Amino acid sequence: MTPVKFGWLSPVAGHAGSDFVPIVQYQEEHILPTALPHFDSVWIADHFYGFDADKTEGFLEAWVTLTWLAAKFPTVDLCHHVLGHGYRNPALTAKMASTLQVLSGNRFILGIGGGWREDEYRSYGYEFPSAATRLRQLEEVVQICRLMWTEAHPTFEGTYFSIDDAAATPRPEVVPPVCIGSAGEQIGLPIVGRQADIWNTAFRSDDDYARKRGIVADAAEAAGRDPGDITCCVTVGGDLPETDADSDAWRERLEHLVGQGVGYFVMDFGHPLDAEPALRFAEQVMTPMRANG
């Protein structure tokens, strides 16, 4: 059995609790040098500004921030949580991804989704089509990326996007895995089944997750894929453990999710001020779970 994996979601937002400085900047100095050697990956959200009405929160751009972290921490994989595909032209996304894959030594995972934040799209001058259209566009984006990563003269003519000999040299030696973030049962999850290497979502209940996982598996089989080739990834939030009892509660919670088929956790711990609880989580939660995996 493949050992369970853990990613660290580092907030690029800065709010009153961080003196409006993006939290990832604090973590890069005080938390991540201690925490990340124990994690498999670091994840960065993709938005242009924060969620307060006055737009006072700092919010760093996702690609630049992830590239900065790639240079700072050379042992972990790198993923966005998740890219809104409509923010960037598909061919540009593929080119940026191939470049980061090459420069990082094959550590990049393309985390991408249909996008959802209408006010942000319109503020930056992007079109915001219906959810169904954004998801159908997403499938073409993934197809374009894989063509540009693997072919010398990639050409694609889709319903929404096209490329004509859009070379992305130097092409990566290892094709980046594609992580699709989606929960939509009609369109999104079938796309996951057809296209994703990793599926990222939230966990709401056992029944809800089982139903959605079944949709992904059915779509994979219909596309001639083995559903077992798709890693199920869940984003989980909460405070880092301060006591042995806290760690026991974390381990019980996450082991339950493993029993539901989850193989990858993206941990959102918010804004911890000290690295010691991260070490406690690594030693008392992650290490025994990996040993049992």
Protein backbone atom coordinates (compact mmCIF):
# COMPACT_ATOMS: atom_id res chain seq x y z
CA MET A 1 0.00 0.00 0.00
CA THR A 2 1.26 3.49 -0.88
CA PRO A 3 2.09 5.55 2.24
CA VAL A 4 -0.23 8.47 2.86
CA LYS A 5 1.15 11.87 1.82
CA PHE A 6 0.93 15.26 3.48
CA GLY A 7 1.03 18.73 1.95
CA TRP A 8 1.41 22.06 3.78
CA LEU A 9 -0.92 24.85 2.61
CA SER A 10 0.88 28.15 3.25
CA PRO A 11 -1.45 31.19 3.17
CA VAL A 12 -0.51 33.94 0.74
CA ALA A 13 -3.06 36.23 2.41
CA GLY A 14 -2.17 38.87 4.94
CA HIS A 15 -4.85 40.13 7.36
CA ALA A 16 -5.12 41.93 10.67
CA GLY A 17 -3.82 38.88 12.51
CA SER A 18 -0.57 39.05 10.53
CA ASP A 19 -0.33 42.87 10.41
CA PHE A 20 -1.51 42.55 6.79
CA VAL A 21 1.75 40.89 5.78
CA PRO A 22 1.15 37.73 3.71
CA ILE A 23 1.44 34.80 6.12
CA VAL A 24 3.67 32.79 3.79
CA GLN A 25 6.39 35.40 4.33
CA TYR A 26 6.32 34.78 8.08
CA GLN A 27 6.19 31.02 7.55
CA GLU A 28 9.10 31.06 5.12
CA GLU A 29 11.28 32.53 7.88
CA HIS A 30 9.90 31.01 11.08
CA ILE A 31 7.91 27.83 10.29
CA LEU A 32 8.71 26.23 6.95
CA PRO A 33 12.45 25.58 7.49
CA THR A 34 11.45 23.33 10.40
CA ALA A 35 8.14 21.97 9.08
CA LEU A 36 8.64 21.31 5.38
CA PRO A 37 11.38 18.66 5.68
CA HIS A 38 8.66 16.45 7.18
CA PHE A 39 6.04 17.17 4.49
CA ASP A 40 5.74 15.90 0.93
CA SER A 41 4.65 19.17 -0.67
CA VAL A 42 3.83 22.84 -0.23
CA TRP A 43 0.64 24.35 -1.65
CA ILE A 44 -0.27 27.95 -2.54
CA ALA A 45 -3.75 29.39 -3.26
CA ASP A 46 -4.49 31.28 -6.47
CA HIS A 47 -6.25 34.60 -5.96
CA PHE A 48 -5.39 38.20 -6.71
CA TYR A 49 -6.68 39.89 -3.58
CA GLY A 50 -8.17 38.95 -0.22
CA PHE A 51 -11.71 38.64 0.98
CA ASP A 52 -12.24 41.80 3.03
CA ALA A 53 -14.52 44.38 1.43
CA ASP A 54 -11.90 47.14 1.61
CA LYS A 55 -9.24 44.98 -0.07
CA THR A 56 -6.70 45.77 2.63
CA GLU A 57 -5.39 42.20 2.86
CA GLY A 58 -2.11 41.46 1.20
CA PHE A 59 -2.35 38.59 -1.26
CA LEU A 60 0.66 37.35 -3.21
CA GLU A 61 0.42 36.07 -6.78
CA ALA A 62 0.43 32.29 -6.85
CA TRP A 63 2.95 31.38 -9.56
CA VAL A 64 5.59 33.83 -8.38
CA THR A 65 5.17 32.74 -4.77
CA LEU A 66 5.38 29.03 -5.57
CA THR A 67 8.52 29.62 -7.66
CA TRP A 68 10.06 31.54 -4.73
CA LEU A 69 9.29 28.63 -2.41
CA ALA A 70 10.67 26.16 -4.96
CA ALA A 71 14.04 27.88 -4.70
CA LYS A 72 13.90 28.17 -0.91
CA PHE A 73 12.86 24.57 -0.19
CA PRO A 74 14.38 22.13 -2.70
CA THR A 75 13.07 18.87 -1.21
CA VAL A 76 9.28 19.21 -1.47
CA ASP A 77 6.81 18.96 -4.32
CA LEU A 78 5.00 22.12 -5.43
CA CYS A 79 1.30 22.59 -6.13
CA HIS A 80 -1.30 25.34 -6.41
CA HIS A 81 -4.54 25.11 -4.42
CA VAL A 82 -5.93 25.50 -7.04
CA LEU A 83 -5.28 27.56 -10.15
CA GLY A 84 -8.31 29.19 -11.69
CA HIS A 85 -7.70 28.22 -15.30
CA GLY A 86 -9.47 31.33 -16.60
CA TYR A 87 -6.83 33.63 -15.13
CA ARG A 88 -4.24 32.54 -17.69
CA ASN A 89 -4.22 31.46 -21.31
CA PRO A 90 -4.01 27.63 -21.52
CA ALA A 91 -0.83 27.60 -23.57
CA LEU A 92 0.81 30.07 -21.19
CA THR A 93 -0.19 27.88 -18.25
CA ALA A 94 1.38 24.88 -19.97
CA LYS A 95 4.57 26.84 -20.69
CA MET A 96 4.85 28.14 -17.13
CA ALA A 97 4.26 24.64 -15.78
CA SER A 98 6.89 23.05 -18.00
CA THR A 99 9.41 25.73 -17.03
CA LEU A 100 8.84 25.26 -13.30
CA GLN A 101 8.98 21.49 -13.72
CA VAL A 102 12.37 21.76 -15.43
CA LEU A 103 13.82 24.32 -13.02
CA SER A 104 12.56 22.53 -9.90
CA GLY A 105 13.92 19.14 -10.86
CA ASN A 106 10.52 17.55 -11.58
CA ARG A 107 8.76 18.62 -8.38
CA PHE A 108 5.78 20.45 -9.88
CA ILE A 109 2.16 19.28 -9.72
CA LEU A 110 -0.37 21.21 -11.81
CA GLY A 111 -3.19 21.95 -9.36
CA ILE A 112 -6.05 23.45 -11.36
CA GLY A 113 -9.80 23.91 -11.36
CA GLY A 114 -12.71 25.67 -13.00
CA GLY A 115 -12.44 28.87 -10.96
CA TRP A 116 -15.31 30.29 -8.94
CA ARG A 117 -14.74 33.87 -7.78
CA GLU A 118 -16.76 36.04 -10.13
CA ASP A 119 -15.85 39.40 -8.56
CA GLU A 120 -12.16 38.68 -9.00
CA TYR A 121 -12.55 37.64 -12.62
CA ARG A 122 -14.47 40.79 -13.47
CA SER A 123 -12.19 43.09 -11.47
CA TYR A 124 -9.25 41.93 -13.53
CA GLY A 125 -11.13 42.06 -16.82
CA TYR A 126 -11.60 38.34 -17.40
CA GLU A 127 -14.77 36.84 -18.79
CA PHE A 128 -16.74 34.72 -16.34
CA PRO A 129 -18.81 32.16 -18.24
CA SER A 130 -21.20 29.70 -16.61
CA ALA A 131 -19.89 27.02 -14.28
CA ALA A 132 -20.61 24.35 -16.89
CA THR A 133 -18.62 26.24 -19.50
CA ARG A 134 -15.70 26.89 -17.15
CA LEU A 135 -15.50 23.18 -16.36
CA ARG A 136 -15.68 22.11 -19.99
CA GLN A 137 -12.94 24.64 -20.71
CA LEU A 138 -10.90 23.09 -17.91
CA GLU A 139 -10.82 19.73 -19.68
CA GLU A 140 -9.43 21.37 -22.80
CA VAL A 141 -6.83 23.21 -20.72
CA VAL A 142 -5.57 19.91 -19.30
CA GLN A 143 -5.48 18.35 -22.76
CA ILE A 144 -3.48 21.29 -24.13
CA CYS A 145 -1.03 21.13 -21.24
CA ARG A 146 -0.31 17.45 -21.73
CA LEU A 147 0.17 17.91 -25.49
CA MET A 148 2.61 20.78 -24.95
CA TRP A 149 4.54 18.81 -22.34
CA THR A 150 4.93 15.73 -24.52
CA GLU A 151 4.93 16.71 -28.22
CA ALA A 152 7.42 18.67 -30.29
CA HIS A 153 4.74 20.27 -32.49
CA PRO A 154 1.53 20.29 -30.40
CA THR A 155 -1.66 21.33 -32.15
CA PHE A 156 -5.17 21.32 -30.72
CA GLU A 157 -8.52 22.56 -31.95
CA GLY A 158 -11.21 22.45 -29.30
CA THR A 159 -14.57 24.03 -28.68
CA TYR A 160 -13.06 26.78 -26.53
CA PHE A 161 -9.30 26.84 -27.12
CA SER A 162 -6.79 26.08 -29.81
CA ILE A 163 -3.03 25.98 -30.26
CA ASP A 164 -1.01 25.72 -33.46
CA ASP A 165 2.49 24.28 -33.10
CA ALA A 166 2.77 25.77 -29.59
CA ALA A 167 6.14 24.33 -28.60
CA ALA A 168 7.00 24.48 -24.90
CA THR A 169 10.73 23.80 -24.91
CA PRO A 170 12.54 22.62 -22.97
CA ARG A 171 9.87 20.02 -22.40
CA PRO A 172 9.96 18.36 -18.99
CA GLU A 173 11.54 14.93 -18.69
CA VAL A 174 8.77 14.01 -16.22
CA VAL A 175 5.25 15.05 -17.18
CA PRO A 176 3.76 16.97 -14.24
CA PRO A 177 0.91 15.18 -12.48
CA VAL A 178 -2.43 16.96 -12.81
CA CYS A 179 -4.40 17.62 -9.66
CA ILE A 180 -7.97 18.77 -10.35
CA GLY A 181 -9.92 20.45 -7.58
CA SER A 182 -13.62 19.81 -8.07
CA ALA A 183 -16.79 18.70 -6.30
CA GLY A 184 -19.40 19.11 -9.05
CA GLU A 185 -21.14 15.84 -9.64
CA GLN A 186 -22.56 16.50 -13.12
CA ILE A 187 -19.51 17.79 -14.97
CA GLY A 188 -16.53 18.36 -12.68
CA LEU A 189 -16.13 14.90 -11.17
CA PRO A 190 -16.46 13.08 -14.51
CA ILE A 191 -13.64 15.32 -15.78
CA VAL A 192 -11.58 14.26 -12.77
CA GLY A 193 -12.18 10.64 -13.70
CA ARG A 194 -11.12 11.21 -17.29
CA GLN A 195 -8.16 13.55 -16.77
CA ALA A 196 -6.78 13.79 -13.22
CA ASP A 197 -3.86 12.06 -11.57
CA ILE A 198 -4.91 13.55 -8.23
CA TRP A 199 -8.38 14.66 -7.13
CA ASN A 200 -8.57 17.39 -4.48
CA THR A 201 -11.76 18.24 -2.63
CA ALA A 202 -13.21 18.89 0.83
CA PHE A 203 -14.62 16.11 2.99
CA ARG A 204 -18.18 16.79 4.17
CA SER A 205 -19.43 13.37 5.23
CA ASP A 206 -18.78 9.69 4.62
CA ASP A 207 -21.83 9.32 2.40
CA ASP A 208 -21.12 12.46 0.38
CA TYR A 209 -17.52 11.47 -0.20
CA ALA A 210 -18.38 7.89 -1.14
CA ARG A 211 -20.89 9.08 -3.71
CA LYS A 212 -18.46 11.53 -5.25
CA ARG A 213 -15.63 9.04 -5.26
CA GLY A 214 -17.92 6.60 -7.04
CA ILE A 215 -18.64 9.16 -9.76
CA VAL A 216 -14.92 9.67 -10.30
CA ALA A 217 -14.32 5.91 -10.45
CA ASP A 218 -17.16 5.33 -12.92
CA ALA A 219 -15.88 8.09 -15.21
CA ALA A 220 -12.36 6.71 -15.06
CA GLU A 221 -13.51 3.23 -16.02
CA ALA A 222 -15.63 4.61 -18.86
CA ALA A 223 -12.50 6.35 -20.17
CA GLY A 224 -10.49 3.14 -20.00
CA ARG A 225 -8.56 4.20 -16.91
CA ASP A 226 -7.89 2.40 -13.66
CA PRO A 227 -9.61 4.39 -10.87
CA GLY A 228 -6.83 3.29 -8.56
CA ASP A 229 -4.43 5.47 -10.56
CA ILE A 230 -6.21 8.59 -9.25
CA THR A 231 -4.97 9.67 -5.82
CA CYS A 232 -7.77 11.00 -3.61
CA CYS A 233 -6.66 14.18 -1.88
CA VAL A 234 -8.57 16.11 0.80
CA THR A 235 -7.89 19.55 2.25
CA VAL A 236 -8.22 19.55 6.03
CA GLY A 237 -8.14 22.59 8.30
CA GLY A 238 -7.49 22.98 12.01
CA ASP A 239 -5.00 24.04 14.66
CA LEU A 240 -1.69 22.30 15.09
CA PRO A 241 -1.56 20.03 18.16
CA GLU A 242 -0.32 21.44 21.45
CA THR A 243 -0.64 18.23 23.49
CA ASP A 244 -0.46 14.46 23.06
CA ALA A 245 -4.25 14.37 23.27
CA ASP A 246 -4.48 16.87 20.40
CA SER A 247 -2.24 14.64 18.31
CA ASP A 248 -4.34 11.59 19.13
CA ALA A 249 -7.46 13.45 17.98
CA TRP A 250 -5.75 14.49 14.74
CA ARG A 251 -4.59 10.95 14.04
CA GLU A 252 -8.04 9.51 14.70
CA ARG A 253 -9.62 12.07 12.38
CA LEU A 254 -7.18 11.49 9.54
CA GLU A 255 -7.10 7.71 9.89
CA HIS A 256 -10.87 7.72 9.48
CA LEU A 257 -10.43 9.57 6.18
CA VAL A 258 -7.80 7.09 5.05
CA GLY A 259 -10.42 4.43 5.65
CA GLN A 260 -12.68 6.29 3.24
CA GLY A 261 -10.03 6.13 0.52
CA VAL A 262 -8.07 9.34 1.07
CA GLY A 263 -4.37 9.01 0.24
CA TYR A 264 -3.19 12.62 0.34
CA PHE A 265 -3.89 15.39 2.88
CA VAL A 266 -3.41 19.10 2.29
CA MET A 267 -3.11 20.57 5.77
CA ASP A 268 -4.35 24.11 6.37
CA PHE A 269 -3.08 25.20 9.80
CA GLY A 270 -3.72 28.90 9.32
CA HIS A 271 -1.16 31.16 11.00
CA PRO A 272 0.85 29.25 13.62
CA LEU A 273 3.47 31.42 15.30
CA ASP A 274 5.80 28.67 16.44
CA ALA A 275 7.31 25.67 14.69
CA GLU A 276 7.20 23.30 17.68
CA PRO A 277 3.57 22.20 17.12
CA ALA A 278 4.45 21.41 13.51
CA LEU A 279 7.15 19.05 14.76
CA ARG A 280 4.65 17.49 17.14
CA PHE A 281 2.25 16.92 14.24
CA ALA A 282 5.03 15.37 12.17
CA GLU A 283 6.25 13.07 14.93
CA GLN A 284 2.94 12.07 16.53
CA VAL A 285 0.57 12.10 13.56
CA MET A 286 2.38 11.87 10.24
CA THR A 287 5.13 9.41 11.16
CA PRO A 288 2.87 6.70 12.63
CA MET A 289 0.32 7.14 9.84
CA ARG A 290 3.01 6.67 7.21
CA ALA A 291 4.30 3.61 9.04
CA ASN A 292 0.82 2.12 9.00
CA GLY A 293 0.18 3.11 5.39
